[in-house]
Amino acid sequence: MKKLSTIFLVIVVVAVAISSCRKYEEGPNISFRSKKARLTNNWRVESAEVNGTEVSQDPYWAKQKHYIYRDGKYIVTIIDPITLEARNVQGTWVLYDHGKKVALTTKNFSGNIDSTNDYNILKLYEKQLWIRNVDNSVEIHFTPFE
């Protein structure tokens, strides 16, 4: 009986330790794919919130496409809401802080000024990516597209 209770106690301690060591706020706890492999995808904005206001129906957000490549390249396609012209913005991405954050560096439309946005990764699955910028003003939920 004592041996059984010891085994039970060890299982409980391990379960609590695993659940408290969650890398991302929303999961996953364990993944067999690397963070880089899960992040690398073609993403579309599923929902976006700016300063507490849902903006995902706004054409600026609704039409965005984010291409994150394994080699560190990043491209975002943005539709100008006034002219409805699509523009590709080139850049790079890098994971840091033990894979808890991602930095997206892009050039402006003229291609000559770098701008870096840092995001906390809230959820990183193969088919879901949730990020929030470090000042908590923008949160974006992505899903893949083909």
C-alpha atoms as a PDB file:
ATOM      1  CA  MET A   1       0.000   0.000   0.000  1.00  0.00           C
ATOM      2  CA  LYS A   2       2.840   2.363   0.864  1.00  0.00           C
ATOM      3  CA  LYS A   3       4.518   1.631  -2.467  1.00  0.00           C
ATOM      4  CA  LEU A   4       1.276   2.376  -4.331  1.00  0.00           C
ATOM      5  CA  SER A   5       0.815   5.695  -2.559  1.00  0.00           C
ATOM      6  CA  THR A   6       4.432   6.648  -3.307  1.00  0.00           C
ATOM      7  CA  ILE A   7       3.912   5.913  -7.013  1.00  0.00           C
ATOM      8  CA  PHE A   8       0.675   7.917  -6.978  1.00  0.00           C
ATOM      9  CA  LEU A   9       2.447  10.850  -5.312  1.00  0.00           C
ATOM     10  CA  VAL A  10       5.225  10.790  -7.930  1.00  0.00           C
ATOM     11  CA  ILE A  11       2.662  10.781 -10.756  1.00  0.00           C
ATOM     12  CA  VAL A  12       0.824  13.744  -9.236  1.00  0.00           C
ATOM     13  CA  VAL A  13       4.062  15.715  -8.785  1.00  0.00           C
ATOM     14  CA  VAL A  14       5.133  15.028 -12.385  1.00  0.00           C
ATOM     15  CA  ALA A  15       1.682  15.995 -13.722  1.00  0.00           C
ATOM     16  CA  VAL A  16       1.719  19.274 -11.789  1.00  0.00           C
ATOM     17  CA  ALA A  17       5.273  20.023 -12.898  1.00  0.00           C
ATOM     18  CA  ILE A  18       4.433  19.434 -16.560  1.00  0.00           C
ATOM     19  CA  SER A  19       1.314  21.590 -16.450  1.00  0.00           C
ATOM     20  CA  SER A  20       3.089  24.441 -14.661  1.00  0.00           C
ATOM     21  CA  CYS A  21       6.000  24.463 -17.118  1.00  0.00           C
ATOM     22  CA  ARG A  22       3.822  25.560 -20.011  1.00  0.00           C
ATOM     23  CA  LYS A  23       5.892  27.510 -22.517  1.00  0.00           C
ATOM     24  CA  TYR A  24       2.982  29.457 -23.991  1.00  0.00           C
ATOM     25  CA  GLU A  25      -0.046  30.881 -22.171  1.00  0.00           C
ATOM     26  CA  GLU A  26      -2.484  28.949 -24.352  1.00  0.00           C
ATOM     27  CA  GLY A  27      -0.418  25.843 -25.147  1.00  0.00           C
ATOM     28  CA  PRO A  28       0.627  23.354 -26.172  1.00  0.00           C
ATOM     29  CA  ASN A  29       2.231  21.630 -23.212  1.00  0.00           C
ATOM     30  CA  ILE A  30       4.132  19.113 -25.333  1.00  0.00           C
ATOM     31  CA  SER A  31       4.826  18.988 -29.068  1.00  0.00           C
ATOM     32  CA  PHE A  32       6.953  16.676 -31.165  1.00  0.00           C
ATOM     33  CA  ARG A  33       7.467  19.375 -33.796  1.00  0.00           C
ATOM     34  CA  SER A  34      10.012  22.092 -33.166  1.00  0.00           C
ATOM     35  CA  LYS A  35       8.901  25.667 -32.513  1.00  0.00           C
ATOM     36  CA  LYS A  36      10.505  26.711 -35.776  1.00  0.00           C
ATOM     37  CA  ALA A  37       8.616  24.015 -37.705  1.00  0.00           C
ATOM     38  CA  ARG A  38       5.294  25.040 -36.154  1.00  0.00           C
ATOM     39  CA  LEU A  39       5.897  28.742 -36.824  1.00  0.00           C
ATOM     40  CA  THR A  40       6.913  28.166 -40.450  1.00  0.00           C
ATOM     41  CA  ASN A  41       3.679  28.362 -42.428  1.00  0.00           C
ATOM     42  CA  ASN A  42       1.437  30.541 -44.586  1.00  0.00           C
ATOM     43  CA  TRP A  43      -0.859  32.349 -42.164  1.00  0.00           C
ATOM     44  CA  ARG A  44      -3.986  34.459 -42.484  1.00  0.00           C
ATOM     45  CA  VAL A  45      -5.499  36.645 -39.782  1.00  0.00           C
ATOM     46  CA  GLU A  46      -8.386  34.858 -38.096  1.00  0.00           C
ATOM     47  CA  SER A  47      -8.945  37.607 -35.528  1.00  0.00           C
ATOM     48  CA  ALA A  48      -7.153  40.772 -34.509  1.00  0.00           C
ATOM     49  CA  GLU A  49      -7.628  43.081 -31.570  1.00  0.00           C
ATOM     50  CA  VAL A  50      -6.077  46.535 -31.279  1.00  0.00           C
ATOM     51  CA  ASN A  51      -6.285  48.319 -27.929  1.00  0.00           C
ATOM     52  CA  GLY A  52      -9.171  46.071 -26.900  1.00  0.00           C
ATOM     53  CA  THR A  53     -11.196  46.608 -30.102  1.00  0.00           C
ATOM     54  CA  GLU A  54     -11.878  43.755 -32.547  1.00  0.00           C
ATOM     55  CA  VAL A  55     -10.572  44.855 -35.980  1.00  0.00           C
ATOM     56  CA  SER A  56     -10.390  41.624 -37.969  1.00  0.00           C
ATOM     57  CA  GLN A  57     -13.213  42.710 -40.319  1.00  0.00           C
ATOM     58  CA  ASP A  58     -11.298  45.848 -41.286  1.00  0.00           C
ATOM     59  CA  PRO A  59      -9.864  45.294 -44.819  1.00  0.00           C
ATOM     60  CA  TYR A  60      -6.365  46.100 -43.565  1.00  0.00           C
ATOM     61  CA  TRP A  61      -6.465  43.057 -41.262  1.00  0.00           C
ATOM     62  CA  ALA A  62      -8.925  40.777 -43.057  1.00  0.00           C
ATOM     63  CA  LYS A  63      -6.858  40.506 -46.225  1.00  0.00           C
ATOM     64  CA  GLN A  64      -3.392  40.161 -44.701  1.00  0.00           C
ATOM     65  CA  LYS A  65      -1.329  37.092 -45.552  1.00  0.00           C
ATOM     66  CA  HIS A  66       1.824  36.254 -43.596  1.00  0.00           C
ATOM     67  CA  TYR A  67       4.442  33.948 -45.095  1.00  0.00           C
ATOM     68  CA  ILE A  68       6.962  32.691 -42.553  1.00  0.00           C
ATOM     69  CA  TYR A  69       9.749  30.672 -44.150  1.00  0.00           C
ATOM     70  CA  ARG A  70      12.075  28.199 -42.475  1.00  0.00           C
ATOM     71  CA  ASP A  71      15.191  30.141 -43.546  1.00  0.00           C
ATOM     72  CA  GLY A  72      14.137  33.224 -41.530  1.00  0.00           C
ATOM     73  CA  LYS A  73      12.476  35.141 -44.356  1.00  0.00           C
ATOM     74  CA  TYR A  74       9.140  36.810 -43.719  1.00  0.00           C
ATOM     75  CA  ILE A  75       6.691  38.366 -46.171  1.00  0.00           C
ATOM     76  CA  VAL A  76       3.407  40.040 -45.307  1.00  0.00           C
ATOM     77  CA  THR A  77       0.889  40.935 -47.997  1.00  0.00           C
ATOM     78  CA  ILE A  78      -1.163  43.968 -47.027  1.00  0.00           C
ATOM     79  CA  ILE A  79      -4.136  45.344 -48.930  1.00  0.00           C
ATOM     80  CA  ASP A  80      -4.310  49.132 -48.881  1.00  0.00           C
ATOM     81  CA  PRO A  81      -7.888  49.824 -47.683  1.00  0.00           C
ATOM     82  CA  ILE A  82      -8.175  52.963 -49.832  1.00  0.00           C
ATOM     83  CA  THR A  83      -6.675  51.862 -53.146  1.00  0.00           C
ATOM     84  CA  LEU A  84      -7.249  48.100 -52.614  1.00  0.00           C
ATOM     85  CA  GLU A  85      -3.726  47.604 -53.948  1.00  0.00           C
ATOM     86  CA  ALA A  86      -1.828  44.603 -52.577  1.00  0.00           C
ATOM     87  CA  ARG A  87       1.708  45.219 -51.364  1.00  0.00           C
ATOM     88  CA  ASN A  88       4.277  42.704 -50.249  1.00  0.00           C
ATOM     89  CA  VAL A  89       6.494  43.785 -47.400  1.00  0.00           C
ATOM     90  CA  GLN A  90       9.736  41.792 -47.101  1.00  0.00           C
ATOM     91  CA  GLY A  91      11.457  41.027 -43.835  1.00  0.00           C
ATOM     92  CA  THR A  92      12.925  38.496 -41.473  1.00  0.00           C
ATOM     93  CA  TRP A  93      11.842  36.725 -38.308  1.00  0.00           C
ATOM     94  CA  VAL A  94      13.685  35.259 -35.340  1.00  0.00           C
ATOM     95  CA  LEU A  95      12.623  33.344 -32.243  1.00  0.00           C
ATOM     96  CA  TYR A  96      14.189  34.432 -28.960  1.00  0.00           C
ATOM     97  CA  ASP A  97      13.741  34.188 -25.185  1.00  0.00           C
ATOM     98  CA  HIS A  98      13.789  30.371 -25.391  1.00  0.00           C
ATOM     99  CA  GLY A  99      11.185  30.421 -28.146  1.00  0.00           C
ATOM    100  CA  LYS A 100       8.654  32.439 -26.145  1.00  0.00           C
ATOM    101  CA  LYS A 101       8.924  35.521 -28.375  1.00  0.00           C
ATOM    102  CA  VAL A 102       9.262  36.281 -32.051  1.00  0.00           C
ATOM    103  CA  ALA A 103      10.725  39.411 -33.632  1.00  0.00           C
ATOM    104  CA  LEU A 104       9.361  40.369 -37.050  1.00  0.00           C
ATOM    105  CA  THR A 105      11.539  42.846 -38.914  1.00  0.00           C
ATOM    106  CA  THR A 106      10.170  44.418 -42.084  1.00  0.00           C
ATOM    107  CA  LYS A 107      11.097  47.165 -44.484  1.00  0.00           C
ATOM    108  CA  ASN A 108       8.604  49.914 -45.251  1.00  0.00           C
ATOM    109  CA  PHE A 109       6.861  50.010 -48.636  1.00  0.00           C
ATOM    110  CA  SER A 110       9.749  51.900 -50.197  1.00  0.00           C
ATOM    111  CA  GLY A 111      12.057  49.128 -48.965  1.00  0.00           C
ATOM    112  CA  ASN A 112      14.625  51.166 -47.091  1.00  0.00           C
ATOM    113  CA  ILE A 113      13.679  51.438 -43.389  1.00  0.00           C
ATOM    114  CA  ASP A 114      13.697  48.462 -41.053  1.00  0.00           C
ATOM    115  CA  SER A 115      10.985  48.189 -38.441  1.00  0.00           C
ATOM    116  CA  THR A 116      11.008  45.462 -35.776  1.00  0.00           C
ATOM    117  CA  ASN A 117       7.939  44.339 -33.883  1.00  0.00           C
ATOM    118  CA  ASP A 118       8.358  42.005 -30.926  1.00  0.00           C
ATOM    119  CA  TYR A 119       5.573  39.610 -29.999  1.00  0.00           C
ATOM    120  CA  ASN A 120       4.943  37.207 -27.148  1.00  0.00           C
ATOM    121  CA  ILE A 121       3.782  33.867 -28.488  1.00  0.00           C
ATOM    122  CA  LEU A 122       0.571  32.900 -26.717  1.00  0.00           C
ATOM    123  CA  LYS A 123      -0.230  29.736 -28.666  1.00  0.00           C
ATOM    124  CA  LEU A 124       1.874  27.850 -31.206  1.00  0.00           C
ATOM    125  CA  TYR A 125       0.355  24.809 -32.833  1.00  0.00           C
ATOM    126  CA  GLU A 126       0.865  23.543 -36.363  1.00  0.00           C
ATOM    127  CA  LYS A 127      -2.507  25.060 -37.336  1.00  0.00           C
ATOM    128  CA  GLN A 128      -2.796  27.933 -34.835  1.00  0.00           C
ATOM    129  CA  LEU A 129      -0.600  30.875 -33.949  1.00  0.00           C
ATOM    130  CA  TRP A 130      -1.577  33.511 -31.408  1.00  0.00           C
ATOM    131  CA  ILE A 131       0.741  36.450 -30.754  1.00  0.00           C
ATOM    132  CA  ARG A 132       0.510  39.631 -28.697  1.00  0.00           C
ATOM    133  CA  ASN A 133       2.929  42.517 -29.067  1.00  0.00           C
ATOM    134  CA  VAL A 134       5.032  43.223 -26.017  1.00  0.00           C
ATOM    135  CA  ASP A 135       3.138  46.393 -25.079  1.00  0.00           C
ATOM    136  CA  ASN A 136      -0.140  44.377 -25.106  1.00  0.00           C
ATOM    137  CA  SER A 137      -1.848  46.720 -27.573  1.00  0.00           C
ATOM    138  CA  VAL A 138      -2.224  44.236 -30.456  1.00  0.00           C
ATOM    139  CA  GLU A 139      -3.207  40.554 -30.326  1.00  0.00           C
ATOM    140  CA  ILE A 140      -3.468  38.522 -33.528  1.00  0.00           C
ATOM    141  CA  HIS A 141      -4.773  34.980 -34.009  1.00  0.00           C
ATOM    142  CA  PHE A 142      -3.650  33.238 -37.184  1.00  0.00           C
ATOM    143  CA  THR A 143      -4.754  30.124 -39.033  1.00  0.00           C
ATOM    144  CA  PRO A 144      -2.995  28.595 -42.047  1.00  0.00           C
ATOM    145  CA  PHE A 145      -4.148  29.028 -45.623  1.00  0.00           C
ATOM    146  CA  GLU A 146      -3.135  27.174 -48.746  1.00  0.00           C
END
